[in-house]
Amino acid sequence: MRDIGIDVKAPTGEWDGDENCPFYGSLRLRGQVLEGTIASVGMQSTITLQRDNVRYMQKYERFEKRTSKMSAHLPACIGKVEVGDIVKVMECRPLSKSVAFCVIEVSAGGEA
């Protein structure tokens, strides 16, 4: 297993030969580290991540809640994940049209 340059728990699953794995393959990680909740796991080795942001609206003196969704690659060595799990993702090179992040750590269930 390679050192990916950030302090995370080691994955517990088996490696399936995927080159787009930061721990066993040749995928390099750089840039942002984000955290969010899994919204969907319907695609092959890809998840949809939902991030909630709260921002202050000065004109109305209230807070507004916004959500954003993004796709992230899920390496096989990370293991099984479910909707609602909190995950940590890190930026990588573009793997497809909409995927430029990779899952590096999973925290079991709960709201972010």
PDB file of N, CA and C in Angstrom:
ATOM      1  N   MET A   1       0.832  -1.183   0.000  1.00  0.00           N
ATOM      2  CA  MET A   1       0.000   0.000   0.000  1.00  0.00           C
ATOM      3  C   MET A   1       0.881   1.253   0.000  1.00  0.00           C
ATOM      4  N   ARG A   2       0.491   2.256  -0.809  1.00  0.00           N
ATOM      5  CA  ARG A   2       1.234   3.508  -0.929  1.00  0.00           C
ATOM      6  C   ARG A   2       0.782   4.528   0.102  1.00  0.00           C
ATOM      7  N   ASP A   3       1.651   5.482   0.383  1.00  0.00           N
ATOM      8  CA  ASP A   3       1.307   6.630   1.207  1.00  0.00           C
ATOM      9  C   ASP A   3       0.710   7.684   0.282  1.00  0.00           C
ATOM     10  N   ILE A   4      -0.519   8.148   0.562  1.00  0.00           N
ATOM     11  CA  ILE A   4      -1.176   9.104  -0.332  1.00  0.00           C
ATOM     12  C   ILE A   4      -0.927  10.549   0.082  1.00  0.00           C
ATOM     13  N   GLY A   5      -0.183  10.777   1.147  1.00  0.00           N
ATOM     14  CA  GLY A   5       0.189  12.122   1.546  1.00  0.00           C
ATOM     15  C   GLY A   5      -0.750  12.790   2.522  1.00  0.00           C
ATOM     16  N   ILE A   6      -1.755  12.066   3.003  1.00  0.00           N
ATOM     17  CA  ILE A   6      -2.689  12.619   3.988  1.00  0.00           C
ATOM     18  C   ILE A   6      -2.961  11.522   5.015  1.00  0.00           C
ATOM     19  N   ASP A   7      -3.196  11.923   6.252  1.00  0.00           N
ATOM     20  CA  ASP A   7      -3.375  10.963   7.336  1.00  0.00           C
ATOM     21  C   ASP A   7      -4.821  10.461   7.366  1.00  0.00           C
ATOM     22  N   VAL A   8      -5.053   9.254   6.828  1.00  0.00           N
ATOM     23  CA  VAL A   8      -6.381   8.628   6.834  1.00  0.00           C
ATOM     24  C   VAL A   8      -6.236   7.175   7.263  1.00  0.00           C
ATOM     25  N   LYS A   9      -7.386   6.578   7.657  1.00  0.00           N
ATOM     26  CA  LYS A   9      -7.361   5.166   8.024  1.00  0.00           C
ATOM     27  C   LYS A   9      -7.090   4.315   6.787  1.00  0.00           C
ATOM     28  N   ALA A  10      -6.340   3.236   6.951  1.00  0.00           N
ATOM     29  CA  ALA A  10      -6.045   2.345   5.835  1.00  0.00           C
ATOM     30  C   ALA A  10      -7.309   1.609   5.392  1.00  0.00           C
ATOM     31  N   PRO A  11      -7.495   1.408   4.077  1.00  0.00           N
ATOM     32  CA  PRO A  11      -8.684   0.690   3.606  1.00  0.00           C
ATOM     33  C   PRO A  11      -8.634  -0.779   4.002  1.00  0.00           C
ATOM     34  N   THR A  12      -9.817  -1.366   4.210  1.00  0.00           N
ATOM     35  CA  THR A  12      -9.878  -2.747   4.688  1.00  0.00           C
ATOM     36  C   THR A  12     -10.174  -3.751   3.585  1.00  0.00           C
ATOM     37  N   GLY A  13     -10.693  -3.296   2.449  1.00  0.00           N
ATOM     38  CA  GLY A  13     -11.101  -4.212   1.382  1.00  0.00           C
ATOM     39  C   GLY A  13      -9.936  -4.720   0.544  1.00  0.00           C
ATOM     40  N   GLU A  14     -10.270  -5.623  -0.389  1.00  0.00           N
ATOM     41  CA  GLU A  14      -9.295  -6.198  -1.311  1.00  0.00           C
ATOM     42  C   GLU A  14      -9.144  -5.299  -2.532  1.00  0.00           C
ATOM     43  N   TRP A  15      -7.946  -5.282  -3.123  1.00  0.00           N
ATOM     44  CA  TRP A  15      -7.693  -4.539  -4.354  1.00  0.00           C
ATOM     45  C   TRP A  15      -8.063  -5.416  -5.536  1.00  0.00           C
ATOM     46  N   ASP A  16      -8.821  -4.873  -6.487  1.00  0.00           N
ATOM     47  CA  ASP A  16      -9.276  -5.649  -7.635  1.00  0.00           C
ATOM     48  C   ASP A  16      -8.492  -5.370  -8.906  1.00  0.00           C
ATOM     49  N   GLY A  17      -7.351  -4.712  -8.818  1.00  0.00           N
ATOM     50  CA  GLY A  17      -6.536  -4.417  -9.990  1.00  0.00           C
ATOM     51  C   GLY A  17      -6.867  -3.089 -10.640  1.00  0.00           C
ATOM     52  N   ASP A  18      -7.712  -2.291 -10.012  1.00  0.00           N
ATOM     53  CA  ASP A  18      -8.103  -0.988 -10.554  1.00  0.00           C
ATOM     54  C   ASP A  18      -6.918  -0.027 -10.479  1.00  0.00           C
ATOM     55  N   GLU A  19      -6.516   0.522 -11.632  1.00  0.00           N
ATOM     56  CA  GLU A  19      -5.398   1.473 -11.652  1.00  0.00           C
ATOM     57  C   GLU A  19      -5.798   2.821 -11.049  1.00  0.00           C
ATOM     58  N   ASN A  20      -7.109   3.118 -10.996  1.00  0.00           N
ATOM     59  CA  ASN A  20      -7.583   4.380 -10.438  1.00  0.00           C
ATOM     60  C   ASN A  20      -7.829   4.261  -8.939  1.00  0.00           C
ATOM     61  N   CYS A  21      -6.908   3.608  -8.245  1.00  0.00           N
ATOM     62  CA  CYS A  21      -6.971   3.486  -6.789  1.00  0.00           C
ATOM     63  C   CYS A  21      -5.771   4.237  -6.208  1.00  0.00           C
ATOM     64  N   PRO A  22      -6.005   5.200  -5.294  1.00  0.00           N
ATOM     65  CA  PRO A  22      -4.870   5.944  -4.744  1.00  0.00           C
ATOM     66  C   PRO A  22      -3.998   5.128  -3.800  1.00  0.00           C
ATOM     67  N   PHE A  23      -4.528   4.059  -3.228  1.00  0.00           N
ATOM     68  CA  PHE A  23      -3.786   3.270  -2.251  1.00  0.00           C
ATOM     69  C   PHE A  23      -2.945   2.166  -2.893  1.00  0.00           C
ATOM     70  N   TYR A  24      -3.477   1.485  -3.900  1.00  0.00           N
ATOM     71  CA  TYR A  24      -2.773   0.369  -4.533  1.00  0.00           C
ATOM     72  C   TYR A  24      -2.445   0.614  -5.998  1.00  0.00           C
ATOM     73  N   GLY A  25      -3.204   1.465  -6.677  1.00  0.00           N
ATOM     74  CA  GLY A  25      -2.989   1.754  -8.093  1.00  0.00           C
ATOM     75  C   GLY A  25      -2.033   2.913  -8.278  1.00  0.00           C
ATOM     76  N   SER A  26      -2.183   3.607  -9.406  1.00  0.00           N
ATOM     77  CA  SER A  26      -1.261   4.689  -9.736  1.00  0.00           C
ATOM     78  C   SER A  26      -1.918   6.066  -9.741  1.00  0.00           C
ATOM     79  N   LEU A  27      -3.121   6.204  -9.167  1.00  0.00           N
ATOM     80  CA  LEU A  27      -3.813   7.490  -9.147  1.00  0.00           C
ATOM     81  C   LEU A  27      -3.180   8.402  -8.103  1.00  0.00           C
ATOM     82  N   ARG A  28      -2.804   9.604  -8.537  1.00  0.00           N
ATOM     83  CA  ARG A  28      -2.205  10.584  -7.621  1.00  0.00           C
ATOM     84  C   ARG A  28      -3.268  11.575  -7.163  1.00  0.00           C
ATOM     85  N   LEU A  29      -3.220  11.926  -5.891  1.00  0.00           N
ATOM     86  CA  LEU A  29      -4.183  12.869  -5.314  1.00  0.00           C
ATOM     87  C   LEU A  29      -3.485  14.184  -5.030  1.00  0.00           C
ATOM     88  N   ARG A  30      -4.245  15.298  -5.182  1.00  0.00           N
ATOM     89  CA  ARG A  30      -3.705  16.633  -4.914  1.00  0.00           C
ATOM     90  C   ARG A  30      -4.871  17.553  -4.658  1.00  0.00           C
ATOM     91  N   GLY A  31      -4.609  18.724  -4.181  1.00  0.00           N
ATOM     92  CA  GLY A  31      -5.645  19.749  -4.091  1.00  0.00           C
ATOM     93  C   GLY A  31      -6.562  19.620  -2.892  1.00  0.00           C
ATOM     94  N   GLN A  32      -7.860  19.865  -3.130  1.00  0.00           N
ATOM     95  CA  GLN A  32      -8.836  19.990  -2.066  1.00  0.00           C
ATOM     96  C   GLN A  32      -9.162  18.668  -1.380  1.00  0.00           C
ATOM     97  N   VAL A  33      -9.476  18.754  -0.099  1.00  0.00           N
ATOM     98  CA  VAL A  33     -10.029  17.641   0.669  1.00  0.00           C
ATOM     99  C   VAL A  33     -11.396  18.096   1.152  1.00  0.00           C
ATOM    100  N   LEU A  34     -12.449  17.389   0.724  1.00  0.00           N
ATOM    101  CA  LEU A  34     -13.823  17.773   1.053  1.00  0.00           C
ATOM    102  C   LEU A  34     -14.514  16.651   1.808  1.00  0.00           C
ATOM    103  N   GLU A  35     -15.577  17.006   2.525  1.00  0.00           N
ATOM    104  CA  GLU A  35     -16.340  16.029   3.281  1.00  0.00           C
ATOM    105  C   GLU A  35     -17.819  16.229   2.984  1.00  0.00           C
ATOM    106  N   GLY A  36     -18.555  15.124   2.883  1.00  0.00           N
ATOM    107  CA  GLY A  36     -19.976  15.215   2.597  1.00  0.00           C
ATOM    108  C   GLY A  36     -20.680  13.898   2.863  1.00  0.00           C
ATOM    109  N   THR A  37     -21.975  13.858   2.536  1.00  0.00           N
ATOM    110  CA  THR A  37     -22.807  12.694   2.768  1.00  0.00           C
ATOM    111  C   THR A  37     -23.120  12.020   1.438  1.00  0.00           C
ATOM    112  N   ILE A  38     -23.111  10.689   1.419  1.00  0.00           N
ATOM    113  CA  ILE A  38     -23.420   9.963   0.191  1.00  0.00           C
ATOM    114  C   ILE A  38     -24.905  10.096  -0.103  1.00  0.00           C
ATOM    115  N   ALA A  39     -25.222  10.551  -1.335  1.00  0.00           N
ATOM    116  CA  ALA A  39     -26.606  10.724  -1.757  1.00  0.00           C
ATOM    117  C   ALA A  39     -27.065   9.572  -2.642  1.00  0.00           C
ATOM    118  N   SER A  40     -26.130   8.926  -3.379  1.00  0.00           N
ATOM    119  CA  SER A  40     -26.492   7.848  -4.290  1.00  0.00           C
ATOM    120  C   SER A  40     -25.280   6.955  -4.541  1.00  0.00           C
ATOM    121  N   VAL A  41     -25.536   5.655  -4.688  1.00  0.00           N
ATOM    122  CA  VAL A  41     -24.466   4.699  -4.996  1.00  0.00           C
ATOM    123  C   VAL A  41     -24.831   3.868  -6.233  1.00  0.00           C
ATOM    124  N   GLY A  42     -25.619   4.444  -7.135  1.00  0.00           N
ATOM    125  CA  GLY A  42     -26.167   3.690  -8.263  1.00  0.00           C
ATOM    126  C   GLY A  42     -25.211   3.388  -9.393  1.00  0.00           C
ATOM    127  N   MET A  43     -24.087   4.088  -9.514  1.00  0.00           N
ATOM    128  CA  MET A  43     -23.178   3.902 -10.643  1.00  0.00           C
ATOM    129  C   MET A  43     -22.073   2.909 -10.310  1.00  0.00           C
ATOM    130  N   GLN A  44     -21.400   2.410 -11.344  1.00  0.00           N
ATOM    131  CA  GLN A  44     -20.284   1.489 -11.145  1.00  0.00           C
ATOM    132  C   GLN A  44     -19.076   2.258 -10.636  1.00  0.00           C
ATOM    133  N   SER A  45     -18.592   1.890  -9.481  1.00  0.00           N
ATOM    134  CA  SER A  45     -17.413   2.478  -8.835  1.00  0.00           C
ATOM    135  C   SER A  45     -17.455   4.015  -8.758  1.00  0.00           C
ATOM    136  N   THR A  46     -18.649   4.592  -8.684  1.00  0.00           N
ATOM    137  CA  THR A  46     -18.817   6.038  -8.539  1.00  0.00           C
ATOM    138  C   THR A  46     -19.976   6.303  -7.585  1.00  0.00           C
ATOM    139  N   ILE A  47     -19.796   7.299  -6.730  1.00  0.00           N
ATOM    140  CA  ILE A  47     -20.871   7.698  -5.825  1.00  0.00           C
ATOM    141  C   ILE A  47     -21.232   9.152  -6.089  1.00  0.00           C
ATOM    142  N   THR A  48     -22.407   9.557  -5.626  1.00  0.00           N
ATOM    143  CA  THR A  48     -22.804  10.955  -5.663  1.00  0.00           C
ATOM    144  C   THR A  48     -22.765  11.480  -4.240  1.00  0.00           C
ATOM    145  N   LEU A  49     -22.074  12.582  -4.073  1.00  0.00           N
ATOM    146  CA  LEU A  49     -21.815  13.171  -2.771  1.00  0.00           C
ATOM    147  C   LEU A  49     -22.628  14.450  -2.634  1.00  0.00           C
ATOM    148  N   GLN A  50     -23.260  14.668  -1.484  1.00  0.00           N
ATOM    149  CA  GLN A  50     -24.032  15.880  -1.250  1.00  0.00           C
ATOM    150  C   GLN A  50     -23.387  16.672  -0.130  1.00  0.00           C
ATOM    151  N   ARG A  51     -23.173  17.972  -0.393  1.00  0.00           N
ATOM    152  CA  ARG A  51     -22.584  18.861   0.605  1.00  0.00           C
ATOM    153  C   ARG A  51     -23.576  19.965   0.930  1.00  0.00           C
ATOM    154  N   ASP A  52     -23.787  20.234   2.211  1.00  0.00           N
ATOM    155  CA  ASP A  52     -24.707  21.273   2.662  1.00  0.00           C
ATOM    156  C   ASP A  52     -23.921  22.506   3.085  1.00  0.00           C
ATOM    157  N   ASN A  53     -24.341  23.671   2.579  1.00  0.00           N
ATOM    158  CA  ASN A  53     -23.707  24.936   2.932  1.00  0.00           C
ATOM    159  C   ASN A  53     -24.762  25.869   3.504  1.00  0.00           C
ATOM    160  N   VAL A  54     -24.394  26.601   4.544  1.00  0.00           N
ATOM    161  CA  VAL A  54     -25.265  27.615   5.122  1.00  0.00           C
ATOM    162  C   VAL A  54     -24.573  28.953   4.931  1.00  0.00           C
ATOM    163  N   ARG A  55     -25.290  29.913   4.328  1.00  0.00           N
ATOM    164  CA  ARG A  55     -24.706  31.237   4.141  1.00  0.00           C
ATOM    165  C   ARG A  55     -25.662  32.311   4.631  1.00  0.00           C
ATOM    166  N   TYR A  56     -25.104  33.404   5.052  1.00  0.00           N
ATOM    167  CA  TYR A  56     -25.877  34.499   5.624  1.00  0.00           C
ATOM    168  C   TYR A  56     -26.326  35.454   4.527  1.00  0.00           C
ATOM    169  N   MET A  57     -27.624  35.790   4.508  1.00  0.00           N
ATOM    170  CA  MET A  57     -28.174  36.760   3.570  1.00  0.00           C
ATOM    171  C   MET A  57     -28.299  38.093   4.307  1.00  0.00           C
ATOM    172  N   GLN A  58     -27.415  39.029   3.986  1.00  0.00           N
ATOM    173  CA  GLN A  58     -27.340  40.281   4.739  1.00  0.00           C
ATOM    174  C   GLN A  58     -28.607  41.124   4.574  1.00  0.00           C
ATOM    175  N   LYS A  59     -29.165  41.119   3.387  1.00  0.00           N
ATOM    176  CA  LYS A  59     -30.350  41.938   3.128  1.00  0.00           C
ATOM    177  C   LYS A  59     -31.526  41.551   4.019  1.00  0.00           C
ATOM    178  N   TYR A  60     -31.718  40.223   4.186  1.00  0.00           N
ATOM    179  CA  TYR A  60     -32.858  39.721   4.960  1.00  0.00           C
ATOM    180  C   TYR A  60     -32.494  39.348   6.400  1.00  0.00           C
ATOM    181  N   GLU A  61     -31.234  39.460   6.757  1.00  0.00           N
ATOM    182  CA  GLU A  61     -30.725  39.124   8.079  1.00  0.00           C
ATOM    183  C   GLU A  61     -31.115  37.712   8.497  1.00  0.00           C
ATOM    184  N   ARG A  62     -30.978  36.792   7.560  1.00  0.00           N
ATOM    185  CA  ARG A  62     -31.305  35.388   7.804  1.00  0.00           C
ATOM    186  C   ARG A  62     -30.257  34.501   7.143  1.00  0.00           C
ATOM    187  N   PHE A  63     -30.317  33.228   7.488  1.00  0.00           N
ATOM    188  CA  PHE A  63     -29.420  32.263   6.869  1.00  0.00           C
ATOM    189  C   PHE A  63     -30.169  31.493   5.799  1.00  0.00           C
ATOM    190  N   GLU A  64     -29.449  31.103   4.753  1.00  0.00           N
ATOM    191  CA  GLU A  64     -30.036  30.317   3.677  1.00  0.00           C
ATOM    192  C   GLU A  64     -29.248  29.024   3.556  1.00  0.00           C
ATOM    193  N   LYS A  65     -29.956  27.924   3.358  1.00  0.00           N
ATOM    194  CA  LYS A  65     -29.326  26.615   3.249  1.00  0.00           C
ATOM    195  C   LYS A  65     -29.236  26.225   1.778  1.00  0.00           C
ATOM    196  N   ARG A  66     -28.047  25.877   1.327  1.00  0.00           N
ATOM    197  CA  ARG A  66     -27.836  25.453  -0.050  1.00  0.00           C
ATOM    198  C   ARG A  66     -27.172  24.089  -0.056  1.00  0.00           C
ATOM    199  N   THR A  67     -27.469  23.286  -1.074  1.00  0.00           N
ATOM    200  CA  THR A  67     -26.813  21.993  -1.228  1.00  0.00           C
ATOM    201  C   THR A  67     -26.161  21.918  -2.591  1.00  0.00           C
ATOM    202  N   SER A  68     -25.083  21.168  -2.680  1.00  0.00           N
ATOM    203  CA  SER A  68     -24.431  20.933  -3.958  1.00  0.00           C
ATOM    204  C   SER A  68     -24.102  19.451  -4.048  1.00  0.00           C
ATOM    205  N   LYS A  69     -24.190  18.905  -5.249  1.00  0.00           N
ATOM    206  CA  LYS A  69     -23.886  17.498  -5.473  1.00  0.00           C
ATOM    207  C   LYS A  69     -22.689  17.373  -6.392  1.00  0.00           C
ATOM    208  N   MET A  70     -21.891  16.349  -6.162  1.00  0.00           N
ATOM    209  CA  MET A  70     -20.736  16.075  -7.003  1.00  0.00           C
ATOM    210  C   MET A  70     -20.504  14.576  -7.057  1.00  0.00           C
ATOM    211  N   SER A  71     -19.838  14.125  -8.102  1.00  0.00           N
ATOM    212  CA  SER A  71     -19.537  12.706  -8.260  1.00  0.00           C
ATOM    213  C   SER A  71     -18.102  12.442  -7.827  1.00  0.00           C
ATOM    214  N   ALA A  72     -17.867  11.249  -7.273  1.00  0.00           N
ATOM    215  CA  ALA A  72     -16.527  10.869  -6.833  1.00  0.00           C
ATOM    216  C   ALA A  72     -16.293   9.389  -7.116  1.00  0.00           C
ATOM    217  N   HIS A  73     -15.060   9.046  -7.454  1.00  0.00           N
ATOM    218  CA  HIS A  73     -14.687   7.650  -7.718  1.00  0.00           C
ATOM    219  C   HIS A  73     -14.601   6.893  -6.394  1.00  0.00           C
ATOM    220  N   LEU A  74     -15.139   5.678  -6.371  1.00  0.00           N
ATOM    221  CA  LEU A  74     -15.095   4.834  -5.178  1.00  0.00           C
ATOM    222  C   LEU A  74     -14.220   3.621  -5.463  1.00  0.00           C
ATOM    223  N   PRO A  75     -12.975   3.593  -4.967  1.00  0.00           N
ATOM    224  CA  PRO A  75     -12.112   2.431  -5.186  1.00  0.00           C
ATOM    225  C   PRO A  75     -12.669   1.186  -4.492  1.00  0.00           C
ATOM    226  N   ALA A  76     -12.419   0.015  -5.055  1.00  0.00           N
ATOM    227  CA  ALA A  76     -12.932  -1.234  -4.499  1.00  0.00           C
ATOM    228  C   ALA A  76     -12.337  -1.520  -3.119  1.00  0.00           C
ATOM    229  N   CYS A  77     -11.117  -1.054  -2.856  1.00  0.00           N
ATOM    230  CA  CYS A  77     -10.465  -1.341  -1.576  1.00  0.00           C
ATOM    231  C   CYS A  77     -11.122  -0.604  -0.405  1.00  0.00           C
ATOM    232  N   ILE A  78     -11.903   0.424  -0.665  1.00  0.00           N
ATOM    233  CA  ILE A  78     -12.587   1.157   0.406  1.00  0.00           C
ATOM    234  C   ILE A  78     -13.646   0.288   1.057  1.00  0.00           C
ATOM    235  N   GLY A  79     -14.306  -0.560   0.274  1.00  0.00           N
ATOM    236  CA  GLY A  79     -15.318  -1.449   0.829  1.00  0.00           C
ATOM    237  C   GLY A  79     -16.719  -0.981   0.509  1.00  0.00           C
ATOM    238  N   LYS A  80     -17.681  -1.552   1.218  1.00  0.00           N
ATOM    239  CA  LYS A  80     -19.091  -1.285   0.956  1.00  0.00           C
ATOM    240  C   LYS A  80     -19.510   0.015   1.642  1.00  0.00           C
ATOM    241  N   VAL A  81     -20.248   0.840   0.916  1.00  0.00           N
ATOM    242  CA  VAL A  81     -20.777   2.082   1.470  1.00  0.00           C
ATOM    243  C   VAL A  81     -22.287   2.129   1.237  1.00  0.00           C
ATOM    244  N   GLU A  82     -22.971   2.930   2.025  1.00  0.00           N
ATOM    245  CA  GLU A  82     -24.424   3.061   1.915  1.00  0.00           C
ATOM    246  C   GLU A  82     -24.800   4.541   1.877  1.00  0.00           C
ATOM    247  N   VAL A  83     -26.000   4.810   1.407  1.00  0.00           N
ATOM    248  CA  VAL A  83     -26.516   6.176   1.387  1.00  0.00           C
ATOM    249  C   VAL A  83     -26.596   6.681   2.823  1.00  0.00           C
ATOM    250  N   GLY A  84     -26.081   7.883   3.060  1.00  0.00           N
ATOM    251  CA  GLY A  84     -26.087   8.464   4.395  1.00  0.00           C
ATOM    252  C   GLY A  84     -24.738   8.410   5.089  1.00  0.00           C
ATOM    253  N   ASP A  85     -23.818   7.598   4.584  1.00  0.00           N
ATOM    254  CA  ASP A  85     -22.477   7.551   5.174  1.00  0.00           C
ATOM    255  C   ASP A  85     -21.749   8.863   4.906  1.00  0.00           C
ATOM    256  N   ILE A  86     -20.903   9.260   5.836  1.00  0.00           N
ATOM    257  CA  ILE A  86     -20.096  10.461   5.670  1.00  0.00           C
ATOM    258  C   ILE A  86     -18.751  10.039   5.102  1.00  0.00           C
ATOM    259  N   VAL A  87     -18.339  10.676   3.998  1.00  0.00           N
ATOM    260  CA  VAL A  87     -17.089  10.311   3.334  1.00  0.00           C
ATOM    261  C   VAL A  87     -16.197  11.533   3.190  1.00  0.00           C
ATOM    262  N   LYS A  88     -14.906  11.253   3.087  1.00  0.00           N
ATOM    263  CA  LYS A  88     -13.912  12.278   2.824  1.00  0.00           C
ATOM    264  C   LYS A  88     -13.363  12.007   1.430  1.00  0.00           C
ATOM    265  N   VAL A  89     -13.361  13.023   0.559  1.00  0.00           N
ATOM    266  CA  VAL A  89     -12.871  12.869  -0.806  1.00  0.00           C
ATOM    267  C   VAL A  89     -11.720  13.838  -1.039  1.00  0.00           C
ATOM    268  N   MET A  90     -10.851  13.488  -2.000  1.00  0.00           N
ATOM    269  CA  MET A  90      -9.723  14.339  -2.334  1.00  0.00           C
ATOM    270  C   MET A  90      -9.640  14.481  -3.836  1.00  0.00           C
ATOM    271  N   GLU A  91      -9.185  15.625  -4.277  1.00  0.00           N
ATOM    272  CA  GLU A  91      -9.128  15.943  -5.696  1.00  0.00           C
ATOM    273  C   GLU A  91      -8.067  15.107  -6.407  1.00  0.00           C
ATOM    274  N   CYS A  92      -8.372  14.723  -7.644  1.00  0.00           N
ATOM    275  CA  CYS A  92      -7.428  13.986  -8.477  1.00  0.00           C
ATOM    276  C   CYS A  92      -7.581  14.490  -9.913  1.00  0.00           C
ATOM    277  N   ARG A  93      -6.892  13.875 -10.842  1.00  0.00           N
ATOM    278  CA  ARG A  93      -7.057  14.252 -12.246  1.00  0.00           C
ATOM    279  C   ARG A  93      -8.460  13.862 -12.698  1.00  0.00           C
ATOM    280  N   PRO A  94      -8.987  14.468 -13.761  1.00  0.00           N
ATOM    281  CA  PRO A  94     -10.321  14.079 -14.229  1.00  0.00           C
ATOM    282  C   PRO A  94     -10.351  12.623 -14.696  1.00  0.00           C
ATOM    283  N   LEU A  95     -11.258  11.829 -14.113  1.00  0.00           N
ATOM    284  CA  LEU A  95     -11.399  10.429 -14.491  1.00  0.00           C
ATOM    285  C   LEU A  95     -12.484  10.252 -15.541  1.00  0.00           C
ATOM    286  N   SER A  96     -13.423  11.182 -15.601  1.00  0.00           N
ATOM    287  CA  SER A  96     -14.470  11.181 -16.626  1.00  0.00           C
ATOM    288  C   SER A  96     -14.979  12.614 -16.745  1.00  0.00           C
ATOM    289  N   LYS A  97     -16.063  12.795 -17.467  1.00  0.00           N
ATOM    290  CA  LYS A  97     -16.608  14.132 -17.668  1.00  0.00           C
ATOM    291  C   LYS A  97     -16.976  14.806 -16.350  1.00  0.00           C
ATOM    292  N   SER A  98     -17.519  14.053 -15.414  1.00  0.00           N
ATOM    293  CA  SER A  98     -18.014  14.653 -14.174  1.00  0.00           C
ATOM    294  C   SER A  98     -17.279  14.196 -12.917  1.00  0.00           C
ATOM    295  N   VAL A  99     -16.283  13.328 -13.027  1.00  0.00           N
ATOM    296  CA  VAL A  99     -15.598  12.793 -11.847  1.00  0.00           C
ATOM    297  C   VAL A  99     -14.165  13.309 -11.791  1.00  0.00           C
ATOM    298  N   ALA A 100     -13.862  14.107 -10.745  1.00  0.00           N
ATOM    299  CA  ALA A 100     -12.506  14.608 -10.538  1.00  0.00           C
ATOM    300  C   ALA A 100     -12.104  14.510  -9.071  1.00  0.00           C
ATOM    301  N   PHE A 101     -12.833  13.686  -8.293  1.00  0.00           N
ATOM    302  CA  PHE A 101     -12.525  13.456  -6.892  1.00  0.00           C
ATOM    303  C   PHE A 101     -12.520  11.965  -6.627  1.00  0.00           C
ATOM    304  N   CYS A 102     -11.826  11.532  -5.572  1.00  0.00           N
ATOM    305  CA  CYS A 102     -11.735  10.120  -5.215  1.00  0.00           C
ATOM    306  C   CYS A 102     -11.968   9.978  -3.711  1.00  0.00           C
ATOM    307  N   VAL A 103     -12.735   8.958  -3.323  1.00  0.00           N
ATOM    308  CA  VAL A 103     -13.025   8.708  -1.914  1.00  0.00           C
ATOM    309  C   VAL A 103     -11.768   8.176  -1.236  1.00  0.00           C
ATOM    310  N   ILE A 104     -11.407   8.765  -0.079  1.00  0.00           N
ATOM    311  CA  ILE A 104     -10.228   8.292   0.640  1.00  0.00           C
ATOM    312  C   ILE A 104     -10.556   7.737   2.026  1.00  0.00           C
ATOM    313  N   GLU A 105     -11.733   8.072   2.566  1.00  0.00           N
ATOM    314  CA  GLU A 105     -12.079   7.593   3.892  1.00  0.00           C
ATOM    315  C   GLU A 105     -13.593   7.606   4.071  1.00  0.00           C
ATOM    316  N   VAL A 106     -14.119   6.610   4.796  1.00  0.00           N
ATOM    317  CA  VAL A 106     -15.558   6.514   5.049  1.00  0.00           C
ATOM    318  C   VAL A 106     -15.788   6.476   6.558  1.00  0.00           C
ATOM    319  N   SER A 107     -16.721   7.324   7.024  1.00  0.00           N
ATOM    320  CA  SER A 107     -17.185   7.277   8.410  1.00  0.00           C
ATOM    321  C   SER A 107     -18.580   6.699   8.371  1.00  0.00           C
ATOM    322  N   ALA A 108     -18.872   5.732   9.207  1.00  0.00           N
ATOM    323  CA  ALA A 108     -20.189   5.075   9.185  1.00  0.00           C
ATOM    324  C   ALA A 108     -21.277   6.069   9.504  1.00  0.00           C
ATOM    325  N   GLY A 109     -22.453   5.847   8.910  1.00  0.00           N
ATOM    326  CA  GLY A 109     -23.690   6.603   9.003  1.00  0.00           C
ATOM    327  C   GLY A 109     -23.743   7.873   9.807  1.00  0.00           C
ATOM    328  N   GLY A 110     -24.813   8.622   9.611  1.00  0.00           N
ATOM    329  CA  GLY A 110     -24.996   9.873  10.324  1.00  0.00           C
ATOM    330  C   GLY A 110     -25.154  11.026   9.356  1.00  0.00           C
ATOM    331  N   GLU A 111     -25.568  12.144   9.880  1.00  0.00           N
ATOM    332  CA  GLU A 111     -25.752  13.340   9.067  1.00  0.00           C
ATOM    333  C   GLU A 111     -24.528  14.223   9.219  1.00  0.00           C
ATOM    334  N   ALA A 112     -24.101  14.832   8.096  1.00  0.00           N
ATOM    335  CA  ALA A 112     -22.922  15.717   8.116  1.00  0.00           C
ATOM    336  C   ALA A 112     -23.278  17.097   8.602  1.00  0.00           C
TER     337      ALA A 112
END
